[in-house]
Full PDB file with SEQRES, HELIX, SHEET, SSBOND, CRYST1, ORIGX, SCALE, CONECT and MASTER records, all heavy atoms in Angstrom:
SEQRES   1 A   34  GLU GLN LEU GLU LYS THR ASP VAL LEU PHE LEU ASP ILE          
SEQRES   2 A   34  GLN LEU PRO GLU LEU ASN GLY ILE SER PHE LEU LYS THR          
SEQRES   3 A   34  LEU ARG ASN PRO PRO LEU VAL VAL                              
HELIX    1 AA1 GLY A   20  LYS A   25  1                                   6    
SHEET    1 AA1 2 VAL A   8  LEU A   9  0                                        
SHEET    2 AA1 2 LEU A  32  VAL A  33  1                                        
CRYST1    1.000    1.000    1.000  90.00  90.00  90.00 P 1           1          
ORIGX1      1.000000  0.000000  0.000000        0.00000                         
ORIGX2      0.000000  1.000000  0.000000        0.00000                         
ORIGX3      0.000000  0.000000  1.000000        0.00000                         
SCALE1      1.000000  0.000000  0.000000        0.00000                         
SCALE2      0.000000  1.000000  0.000000        0.00000                         
SCALE3      0.000000  0.000000  1.000000        0.00000                         
ATOM      1  N   GLU A   1     -24.296  15.863 -14.983  1.00  0.00           N  
ATOM      2  CA  GLU A   1     -23.841  17.079 -15.668  1.00  0.00           C  
ATOM      3  C   GLU A   1     -22.466  17.522 -15.173  1.00  0.00           C  
ATOM      4  O   GLU A   1     -21.663  18.050 -15.933  1.00  0.00           O  
ATOM      5  CB  GLU A   1     -24.848  18.217 -15.473  1.00  0.00           C  
ATOM      6  CG  GLU A   1     -26.199  17.982 -16.117  1.00  0.00           C  
ATOM      7  CD  GLU A   1     -27.073  17.031 -15.307  1.00  0.00           C  
ATOM      8  OE1 GLU A   1     -26.748  16.776 -14.130  1.00  0.00           O  
ATOM      9  OE2 GLU A   1     -28.079  16.541 -15.853  1.00  0.00           O  
ATOM     10  N   GLN A   2     -22.204  17.274 -13.885  1.00  0.00           N  
ATOM     11  CA  GLN A   2     -20.909  17.650 -13.319  1.00  0.00           C  
ATOM     12  C   GLN A   2     -19.798  16.761 -13.883  1.00  0.00           C  
ATOM     13  O   GLN A   2     -18.718  17.245 -14.219  1.00  0.00           O  
ATOM     14  CB  GLN A   2     -20.962  17.513 -11.788  1.00  0.00           C  
ATOM     15  CG  GLN A   2     -19.783  18.124 -11.057  1.00  0.00           C  
ATOM     16  CD  GLN A   2     -19.937  19.606 -10.841  1.00  0.00           C  
ATOM     17  OE1 GLN A   2     -20.458  20.313 -11.688  1.00  0.00           O  
ATOM     18  NE2 GLN A   2     -19.500  20.086  -9.700  1.00  0.00           N  
ATOM     19  N   LEU A   3     -20.071  15.475 -13.998  1.00  0.00           N  
ATOM     20  CA  LEU A   3     -19.080  14.560 -14.568  1.00  0.00           C  
ATOM     21  C   LEU A   3     -18.777  14.897 -16.020  1.00  0.00           C  
ATOM     22  O   LEU A   3     -17.630  14.802 -16.467  1.00  0.00           O  
ATOM     23  CB  LEU A   3     -19.581  13.115 -14.472  1.00  0.00           C  
ATOM     24  CG  LEU A   3     -19.249  12.349 -13.188  1.00  0.00           C  
ATOM     25  CD1 LEU A   3     -19.913  10.979 -13.219  1.00  0.00           C  
ATOM     26  CD2 LEU A   3     -17.748  12.200 -13.001  1.00  0.00           C  
ATOM     27  N   GLU A   4     -19.793  15.302 -16.753  1.00  0.00           N  
ATOM     28  CA  GLU A   4     -19.605  15.615 -18.168  1.00  0.00           C  
ATOM     29  C   GLU A   4     -18.721  16.840 -18.374  1.00  0.00           C  
ATOM     30  O   GLU A   4     -18.088  16.989 -19.417  1.00  0.00           O  
ATOM     31  CB  GLU A   4     -20.968  15.831 -18.843  1.00  0.00           C  
ATOM     32  CG  GLU A   4     -21.777  14.557 -18.980  1.00  0.00           C  
ATOM     33  CD  GLU A   4     -23.121  14.781 -19.637  1.00  0.00           C  
ATOM     34  OE1 GLU A   4     -23.576  15.945 -19.676  1.00  0.00           O  
ATOM     35  OE2 GLU A   4     -23.721  13.806 -20.099  1.00  0.00           O  
ATOM     36  N   LYS A   5     -18.668  17.717 -17.381  1.00  0.00           N  
ATOM     37  CA  LYS A   5     -17.837  18.924 -17.475  1.00  0.00           C  
ATOM     38  C   LYS A   5     -16.424  18.685 -16.973  1.00  0.00           C  
ATOM     39  O   LYS A   5     -15.561  19.564 -17.086  1.00  0.00           O  
ATOM     40  CB  LYS A   5     -18.469  20.063 -16.666  1.00  0.00           C  
ATOM     41  CG  LYS A   5     -19.789  20.567 -17.198  1.00  0.00           C  
ATOM     42  CD  LYS A   5     -20.252  21.804 -16.467  1.00  0.00           C  
ATOM     43  CE  LYS A   5     -20.601  21.519 -15.013  1.00  0.00           C  
ATOM     44  NZ  LYS A   5     -21.162  22.712 -14.338  1.00  0.00           N  
ATOM     45  N   THR A   6     -16.165  17.515 -16.392  1.00  0.00           N  
ATOM     46  CA  THR A   6     -14.900  17.245 -15.719  1.00  0.00           C  
ATOM     47  C   THR A   6     -13.827  16.749 -16.687  1.00  0.00           C  
ATOM     48  O   THR A   6     -14.053  15.820 -17.454  1.00  0.00           O  
ATOM     49  CB  THR A   6     -15.099  16.190 -14.602  1.00  0.00           C  
ATOM     50  OG1 THR A   6     -16.090  16.666 -13.683  1.00  0.00           O  
ATOM     51  CG2 THR A   6     -13.804  15.932 -13.865  1.00  0.00           C  
ATOM     52  N   ASP A   7     -12.653  17.376 -16.626  1.00  0.00           N  
ATOM     53  CA  ASP A   7     -11.497  16.908 -17.399  1.00  0.00           C  
ATOM     54  C   ASP A   7     -10.673  15.917 -16.599  1.00  0.00           C  
ATOM     55  O   ASP A   7     -10.165  14.936 -17.151  1.00  0.00           O  
ATOM     56  CB  ASP A   7     -10.611  18.088 -17.807  1.00  0.00           C  
ATOM     57  CG  ASP A   7     -11.306  19.018 -18.776  1.00  0.00           C  
ATOM     58  OD1 ASP A   7     -11.881  18.519 -19.762  1.00  0.00           O  
ATOM     59  OD2 ASP A   7     -11.284  20.242 -18.545  1.00  0.00           O  
ATOM     60  N   VAL A   8     -10.487  16.189 -15.319  1.00  0.00           N  
ATOM     61  CA  VAL A   8      -9.707  15.281 -14.466  1.00  0.00           C  
ATOM     62  C   VAL A   8     -10.400  15.129 -13.116  1.00  0.00           C  
ATOM     63  O   VAL A   8     -10.851  16.105 -12.515  1.00  0.00           O  
ATOM     64  CB  VAL A   8      -8.254  15.783 -14.287  1.00  0.00           C  
ATOM     65  CG1 VAL A   8      -8.201  17.186 -13.684  1.00  0.00           C  
ATOM     66  CG2 VAL A   8      -7.448  14.819 -13.414  1.00  0.00           C  
ATOM     67  N   LEU A   9     -10.489  13.879 -12.659  1.00  0.00           N  
ATOM     68  CA  LEU A   9     -11.114  13.550 -11.386  1.00  0.00           C  
ATOM     69  C   LEU A   9     -10.038  13.096 -10.407  1.00  0.00           C  
ATOM     70  O   LEU A   9      -9.300  12.148 -10.680  1.00  0.00           O  
ATOM     71  CB  LEU A   9     -12.135  12.426 -11.581  1.00  0.00           C  
ATOM     72  CG  LEU A   9     -12.768  11.822 -10.323  1.00  0.00           C  
ATOM     73  CD1 LEU A   9     -13.613  12.873  -9.592  1.00  0.00           C  
ATOM     74  CD2 LEU A   9     -13.612  10.608 -10.685  1.00  0.00           C  
ATOM     75  N   PHE A  10      -9.926  13.802  -9.276  1.00  0.00           N  
ATOM     76  CA  PHE A  10      -9.034  13.380  -8.201  1.00  0.00           C  
ATOM     77  C   PHE A  10      -9.832  12.426  -7.313  1.00  0.00           C  
ATOM     78  O   PHE A  10     -10.806  12.832  -6.675  1.00  0.00           O  
ATOM     79  CB  PHE A  10      -8.525  14.575  -7.399  1.00  0.00           C  
ATOM     80  CG  PHE A  10      -7.651  15.492  -8.205  1.00  0.00           C  
ATOM     81  CD1 PHE A  10      -8.145  16.675  -8.730  1.00  0.00           C  
ATOM     82  CD2 PHE A  10      -6.333  15.154  -8.454  1.00  0.00           C  
ATOM     83  CE1 PHE A  10      -7.340  17.512  -9.487  1.00  0.00           C  
ATOM     84  CE2 PHE A  10      -5.511  15.989  -9.205  1.00  0.00           C  
ATOM     85  CZ  PHE A  10      -6.015  17.161  -9.724  1.00  0.00           C  
ATOM     86  N   LEU A  11      -9.424  11.170  -7.292  1.00  0.00           N  
ATOM     87  CA  LEU A  11     -10.254  10.112  -6.722  1.00  0.00           C  
ATOM     88  C   LEU A  11      -9.563   9.407  -5.555  1.00  0.00           C  
ATOM     89  O   LEU A  11      -8.522   8.777  -5.723  1.00  0.00           O  
ATOM     90  CB  LEU A  11     -10.589   9.101  -7.822  1.00  0.00           C  
ATOM     91  CG  LEU A  11     -11.442   7.898  -7.450  1.00  0.00           C  
ATOM     92  CD1 LEU A  11     -12.828   8.334  -6.984  1.00  0.00           C  
ATOM     93  CD2 LEU A  11     -11.551   6.944  -8.641  1.00  0.00           C  
ATOM     94  N   ASP A  12     -10.172   9.513  -4.377  1.00  0.00           N  
ATOM     95  CA  ASP A  12      -9.715   8.742  -3.226  1.00  0.00           C  
ATOM     96  C   ASP A  12     -10.266   7.322  -3.350  1.00  0.00           C  
ATOM     97  O   ASP A  12     -11.246   7.083  -4.055  1.00  0.00           O  
ATOM     98  CB  ASP A  12     -10.202   9.399  -1.932  1.00  0.00           C  
ATOM     99  CG  ASP A  12      -9.609   8.755  -0.698  1.00  0.00           C  
ATOM    100  OD1 ASP A  12      -8.557   8.098  -0.806  1.00  0.00           O  
ATOM    101  OD2 ASP A  12     -10.219   8.892   0.384  1.00  0.00           O  
ATOM    102  N   ILE A  13      -9.645   6.383  -2.653  1.00  0.00           N  
ATOM    103  CA  ILE A  13     -10.105   4.994  -2.727  1.00  0.00           C  
ATOM    104  C   ILE A  13     -11.011   4.635  -1.559  1.00  0.00           C  
ATOM    105  O   ILE A  13     -12.087   4.059  -1.737  1.00  0.00           O  
ATOM    106  CB  ILE A  13      -8.913   4.027  -2.812  1.00  0.00           C  
ATOM    107  CG1 ILE A  13      -8.206   4.211  -4.157  1.00  0.00           C  
ATOM    108  CG2 ILE A  13      -9.381   2.577  -2.640  1.00  0.00           C  
ATOM    109  CD1 ILE A  13      -6.987   3.355  -4.348  1.00  0.00           C  
ATOM    110  N   GLN A  14     -10.611   5.012  -0.352  1.00  0.00           N  
ATOM    111  CA  GLN A  14     -11.410   4.695   0.828  1.00  0.00           C  
ATOM    112  C   GLN A  14     -12.538   5.717   0.964  1.00  0.00           C  
ATOM    113  O   GLN A  14     -12.351   6.800   1.514  1.00  0.00           O  
ATOM    114  CB  GLN A  14     -10.520   4.716   2.082  1.00  0.00           C  
ATOM    115  CG  GLN A  14      -9.397   3.694   2.063  1.00  0.00           C  
ATOM    116  CD  GLN A  14      -9.910   2.268   2.114  1.00  0.00           C  
ATOM    117  OE1 GLN A  14     -10.982   1.991   2.641  1.00  0.00           O  
ATOM    118  NE2 GLN A  14      -9.141   1.345   1.561  1.00  0.00           N  
ATOM    119  N   LEU A  15     -13.708   5.352   0.442  1.00  0.00           N  
ATOM    120  CA  LEU A  15     -14.858   6.249   0.447  1.00  0.00           C  
ATOM    121  C   LEU A  15     -16.082   5.542   1.036  1.00  0.00           C  
ATOM    122  O   LEU A  15     -16.164   4.311   0.993  1.00  0.00           O  
ATOM    123  CB  LEU A  15     -15.189   6.689  -0.988  1.00  0.00           C  
ATOM    124  CG  LEU A  15     -14.155   7.550  -1.710  1.00  0.00           C  
ATOM    125  CD1 LEU A  15     -14.511   7.659  -3.186  1.00  0.00           C  
ATOM    126  CD2 LEU A  15     -14.075   8.934  -1.082  1.00  0.00           C  
ATOM    127  N   PRO A  16     -17.022   6.307   1.573  1.00  0.00           N  
ATOM    128  CA  PRO A  16     -18.253   5.695   2.085  1.00  0.00           C  
ATOM    129  C   PRO A  16     -19.123   5.155   0.944  1.00  0.00           C  
ATOM    130  O   PRO A  16     -19.062   5.653  -0.176  1.00  0.00           O  
ATOM    131  CB  PRO A  16     -18.957   6.853   2.799  1.00  0.00           C  
ATOM    132  CG  PRO A  16     -18.430   8.080   2.136  1.00  0.00           C  
ATOM    133  CD  PRO A  16     -17.005   7.763   1.766  1.00  0.00           C  
ATOM    134  N   GLU A  17     -19.898   4.138   1.227  1.00  0.00           N  
ATOM    135  CA  GLU A  17     -20.872   3.531   0.309  1.00  0.00           C  
ATOM    136  C   GLU A  17     -20.227   2.752  -0.828  1.00  0.00           C  
ATOM    137  O   GLU A  17     -20.514   1.583  -1.044  1.00  0.00           O  
ATOM    138  CB  GLU A  17     -21.836   4.593  -0.255  1.00  0.00           C  
ATOM    139  CG  GLU A  17     -22.624   5.345   0.810  1.00  0.00           C  
ATOM    140  CD  GLU A  17     -23.553   6.374   0.226  1.00  0.00           C  
ATOM    141  OE1 GLU A  17     -23.058   7.252  -0.503  1.00  0.00           O  
ATOM    142  OE2 GLU A  17     -24.755   6.301   0.504  1.00  0.00           O  
ATOM    143  N   LEU A  18     -19.327   3.392  -1.568  1.00  0.00           N  
ATOM    144  CA  LEU A  18     -18.723   2.756  -2.733  1.00  0.00           C  
ATOM    145  C   LEU A  18     -17.283   3.233  -2.848  1.00  0.00           C  
ATOM    146  O   LEU A  18     -17.037   4.435  -2.950  1.00  0.00           O  
ATOM    147  CB  LEU A  18     -19.507   3.157  -3.988  1.00  0.00           C  
ATOM    148  CG  LEU A  18     -19.220   2.434  -5.298  1.00  0.00           C  
ATOM    149  CD1 LEU A  18     -19.644   0.971  -5.208  1.00  0.00           C  
ATOM    150  CD2 LEU A  18     -19.970   3.112  -6.450  1.00  0.00           C  
ATOM    151  N   ASN A  19     -16.309   2.296  -2.790  1.00  0.00           N  
ATOM    152  CA  ASN A  19     -14.923   2.758  -2.831  1.00  0.00           C  
ATOM    153  C   ASN A  19     -14.571   3.319  -4.206  1.00  0.00           C  
ATOM    154  O   ASN A  19     -15.293   3.102  -5.191  1.00  0.00           O  
ATOM    155  CB  ASN A  19     -13.939   1.660  -2.383  1.00  0.00           C  
ATOM    156  CG  ASN A  19     -13.696   0.586  -3.425  1.00  0.00           C  
ATOM    157  OD1 ASN A  19     -13.518   0.855  -4.607  1.00  0.00           O  
ATOM    158  ND2 ASN A  19     -13.683  -0.659  -2.984  1.00  0.00           N  
ATOM    159  N   GLY A  20     -13.469   4.052  -4.260  1.00  0.00           N  
ATOM    160  CA  GLY A  20     -13.124   4.804  -5.458  1.00  0.00           C  
ATOM    161  C   GLY A  20     -12.996   3.961  -6.717  1.00  0.00           C  
ATOM    162  O   GLY A  20     -13.500   4.336  -7.783  1.00  0.00           O  
ATOM    163  N   ILE A  21     -12.322   2.818  -6.604  1.00  0.00           N  
ATOM    164  CA  ILE A  21     -12.123   1.979  -7.785  1.00  0.00           C  
ATOM    165  C   ILE A  21     -13.444   1.357  -8.234  1.00  0.00           C  
ATOM    166  O   ILE A  21     -13.722   1.260  -9.430  1.00  0.00           O  
ATOM    167  CB  ILE A  21     -11.057   0.903  -7.515  1.00  0.00           C  
ATOM    168  CG1 ILE A  21      -9.693   1.582  -7.333  1.00  0.00           C  
ATOM    169  CG2 ILE A  21     -11.001  -0.099  -8.666  1.00  0.00           C  
ATOM    170  CD1 ILE A  21      -8.559   0.635  -7.034  1.00  0.00           C  
ATOM    171  N   SER A  22     -14.275   0.956  -7.271  1.00  0.00           N  
ATOM    172  CA  SER A  22     -15.593   0.406  -7.629  1.00  0.00           C  
ATOM    173  C   SER A  22     -16.432   1.461  -8.345  1.00  0.00           C  
ATOM    174  O   SER A  22     -17.141   1.162  -9.316  1.00  0.00           O  
ATOM    175  CB  SER A  22     -16.320  -0.087  -6.374  1.00  0.00           C  
ATOM    176  OG  SER A  22     -15.638  -1.172  -5.789  1.00  0.00           O  
ATOM    177  N   PHE A  23     -16.355   2.705  -7.862  1.00  0.00           N  
ATOM    178  CA  PHE A  23     -17.083   3.790  -8.530  1.00  0.00           C  
ATOM    179  C   PHE A  23     -16.553   3.996  -9.943  1.00  0.00           C  
ATOM    180  O   PHE A  23     -17.330   4.155 -10.891  1.00  0.00           O  
ATOM    181  CB  PHE A  23     -16.945   5.082  -7.731  1.00  0.00           C  
ATOM    182  CG  PHE A  23     -17.438   6.301  -8.457  1.00  0.00           C  
ATOM    183  CD1 PHE A  23     -18.784   6.476  -8.725  1.00  0.00           C  
ATOM    184  CD2 PHE A  23     -16.540   7.275  -8.889  1.00  0.00           C  
ATOM    185  CE1 PHE A  23     -19.241   7.598  -9.416  1.00  0.00           C  
ATOM    186  CE2 PHE A  23     -16.984   8.396  -9.574  1.00  0.00           C  
ATOM    187  CZ  PHE A  23     -18.343   8.553  -9.827  1.00  0.00           C  
ATOM    188  N   LEU A  24     -15.231   3.976 -10.098  1.00  0.00           N  
ATOM    189  CA  LEU A  24     -14.615   4.168 -11.414  1.00  0.00           C  
ATOM    190  C   LEU A  24     -15.108   3.104 -12.394  1.00  0.00           C  
ATOM    191  O   LEU A  24     -15.348   3.397 -13.571  1.00  0.00           O  
ATOM    192  CB  LEU A  24     -13.096   4.124 -11.282  1.00  0.00           C  
ATOM    193  CG  LEU A  24     -12.268   4.306 -12.553  1.00  0.00           C  
ATOM    194  CD1 LEU A  24     -12.609   5.615 -13.242  1.00  0.00           C  
ATOM    195  CD2 LEU A  24     -10.774   4.249 -12.213  1.00  0.00           C  
ATOM    196  N   LYS A  25     -15.286   1.887 -11.927  1.00  0.00           N  
ATOM    197  CA  LYS A  25     -15.736   0.792 -12.790  1.00  0.00           C  
ATOM    198  C   LYS A  25     -17.163   1.000 -13.290  1.00  0.00           C  
ATOM    199  O   LYS A  25     -17.565   0.394 -14.284  1.00  0.00           O  
ATOM    200  CB  LYS A  25     -15.629  -0.538 -12.055  1.00  0.00           C  
ATOM    201  CG  LYS A  25     -14.193  -1.000 -11.826  1.00  0.00           C  
ATOM    202  CD  LYS A  25     -14.154  -2.301 -11.048  1.00  0.00           C  
ATOM    203  CE  LYS A  25     -12.721  -2.761 -10.843  1.00  0.00           C  
ATOM    204  NZ  LYS A  25     -12.655  -4.021 -10.041  1.00  0.00           N  
ATOM    205  N   THR A  26     -17.928   1.845 -12.600  1.00  0.00           N  
ATOM    206  CA  THR A  26     -19.305   2.106 -13.037  1.00  0.00           C  
ATOM    207  C   THR A  26     -19.372   3.119 -14.175  1.00  0.00           C  
ATOM    208  O   THR A  26     -20.417   3.260 -14.815  1.00  0.00           O  
ATOM    209  CB  THR A  26     -20.182   2.625 -11.876  1.00  0.00           C  
ATOM    210  OG1 THR A  26     -19.768   3.958 -11.516  1.00  0.00           O  
ATOM    211  CG2 THR A  26     -20.099   1.715 -10.663  1.00  0.00           C  
ATOM    212  N   LEU A  27     -18.275   3.833 -14.431  1.00  0.00           N  
ATOM    213  CA  LEU A  27     -18.267   4.887 -15.452  1.00  0.00           C  
ATOM    214  C   LEU A  27     -17.857   4.308 -16.799  1.00  0.00           C  
ATOM    215  O   LEU A  27     -16.769   3.750 -16.941  1.00  0.00           O  
ATOM    216  CB  LEU A  27     -17.297   6.008 -15.053  1.00  0.00           C  
ATOM    217  CG  LEU A  27     -17.543   6.668 -13.694  1.00  0.00           C  
ATOM    218  CD1 LEU A  27     -16.491   7.747 -13.441  1.00  0.00           C  
ATOM    219  CD2 LEU A  27     -18.937   7.245 -13.617  1.00  0.00           C  
ATOM    220  N   ARG A  28     -18.726   4.462 -17.782  1.00  0.00           N  
ATOM    221  CA  ARG A  28     -18.448   3.910 -19.102  1.00  0.00           C  
ATOM    222  C   ARG A  28     -17.357   4.705 -19.808  1.00  0.00           C  
ATOM    223  O   ARG A  28     -16.478   4.147 -20.459  1.00  0.00           O  
ATOM    224  CB  ARG A  28     -19.729   3.905 -19.938  1.00  0.00           C  
ATOM    225  CG  ARG A  28     -19.558   3.220 -21.273  1.00  0.00           C  
ATOM    226  CD  ARG A  28     -20.880   3.000 -21.970  1.00  0.00           C  
ATOM    227  NE  ARG A  28     -20.713   2.382 -23.264  1.00  0.00           N  
ATOM    228  CZ  ARG A  28     -21.705   2.091 -24.087  1.00  0.00           C  
ATOM    229  NH1 ARG A  28     -22.954   2.352 -23.726  1.00  0.00           N  
ATOM    230  NH2 ARG A  28     -21.487   1.540 -25.259  1.00  0.00           N  
ATOM    231  N   ASN A  29     -17.417   6.030 -19.721  1.00  0.00           N  
ATOM    232  CA  ASN A  29     -16.396   6.895 -20.323  1.00  0.00           C  
ATOM    233  C   ASN A  29     -15.969   7.939 -19.300  1.00  0.00           C  
ATOM    234  O   ASN A  29     -16.412   9.090 -19.345  1.00  0.00           O  
ATOM    235  CB  ASN A  29     -16.931   7.573 -21.586  1.00  0.00           C  
ATOM    236  CG  ASN A  29     -16.974   6.636 -22.771  1.00  0.00           C  
ATOM    237  OD1 ASN A  29     -15.938   6.193 -23.257  1.00  0.00           O  
ATOM    238  ND2 ASN A  29     -18.170   6.320 -23.219  1.00  0.00           N  
ATOM    239  N   PRO A  30     -15.126   7.532 -18.351  1.00  0.00           N  
ATOM    240  CA  PRO A  30     -14.735   8.458 -17.284  1.00  0.00           C  
ATOM    241  C   PRO A  30     -13.795   9.550 -17.787  1.00  0.00           C  
ATOM    242  O   PRO A  30     -13.172   9.403 -18.848  1.00  0.00           O  
ATOM    243  CB  PRO A  30     -14.006   7.538 -16.296  1.00  0.00           C  
ATOM    244  CG  PRO A  30     -13.435   6.454 -17.149  1.00  0.00           C  
ATOM    245  CD  PRO A  30     -14.482   6.219 -18.232  1.00  0.00           C  
ATOM    246  N   PRO A  31     -13.690  10.647 -17.042  1.00  0.00           N  
ATOM    247  CA  PRO A  31     -12.664  11.642 -17.355  1.00  0.00           C  
ATOM    248  C   PRO A  31     -11.298  11.053 -17.017  1.00  0.00           C  
ATOM    249  O   PRO A  31     -11.201   9.907 -16.554  1.00  0.00           O  
ATOM    250  CB  PRO A  31     -13.019  12.804 -16.416  1.00  0.00           C  
ATOM    251  CG  PRO A  31     -13.709  12.146 -15.264  1.00  0.00           C  
ATOM    252  CD  PRO A  31     -14.480  10.993 -15.844  1.00  0.00           C  
ATOM    253  N   LEU A  32     -10.245  11.801 -17.242  1.00  0.00           N  
ATOM    254  CA  LEU A  32      -8.940  11.356 -16.779  1.00  0.00           C  
ATOM    255  C   LEU A  32      -8.981  11.278 -15.247  1.00  0.00           C  
ATOM    256  O   LEU A  32      -9.594  12.132 -14.602  1.00  0.00           O  
ATOM    257  CB  LEU A  32      -7.847  12.322 -17.229  1.00  0.00           C  
ATOM    258  CG  LEU A  32      -7.646  12.438 -18.743  1.00  0.00           C  
ATOM    259  CD1 LEU A  32      -6.524  13.430 -19.053  1.00  0.00           C  
ATOM    260  CD2 LEU A  32      -7.357  11.090 -19.373  1.00  0.00           C  
ATOM    261  N   VAL A  33      -8.360  10.263 -14.689  1.00  0.00           N  
ATOM    262  CA  VAL A  33      -8.446  10.022 -13.251  1.00  0.00           C  
ATOM    263  C   VAL A  33      -7.055   9.993 -12.623  1.00  0.00           C  
ATOM    264  O   VAL A  33      -6.152   9.303 -13.114  1.00  0.00           O  
ATOM    265  CB  VAL A  33      -9.168   8.689 -12.946  1.00  0.00           C  
ATOM    266  CG1 VAL A  33      -9.136   8.386 -11.451  1.00  0.00           C  
ATOM    267  CG2 VAL A  33     -10.606   8.743 -13.443  1.00  0.00           C  
ATOM    268  N   VAL A  34      -6.899  10.761 -11.552  1.00  0.00           N  
ATOM    269  CA  VAL A  34      -5.684  10.717 -10.728  1.00  0.00           C  
ATOM    270  C   VAL A  34      -6.099  10.216  -9.349  1.00  0.00           C  
ATOM    271  O   VAL A  34      -6.885  10.860  -8.661  1.00  0.00           O  
ATOM    272  CB  VAL A  34      -5.023  12.107 -10.617  1.00  0.00           C  
ATOM    273  CG1 VAL A  34      -3.847  12.057  -9.644  1.00  0.00           C  
ATOM    274  CG2 VAL A  34      -4.554  12.586 -11.991  1.00  0.00           C  
TER     275      VAL A  34                                                      
MASTER        0    0    0    1    2    0    0    6  274    1    0    3          
END                                                                             
């Protein structure tokens, strides 16, 4: 529900469990990403 309300996601790359780009690849229709 939080992702659905998001217009822009500020995304770091070095993250625990799943890095930022890998997470982005899991989103079928992501918000705009910076």
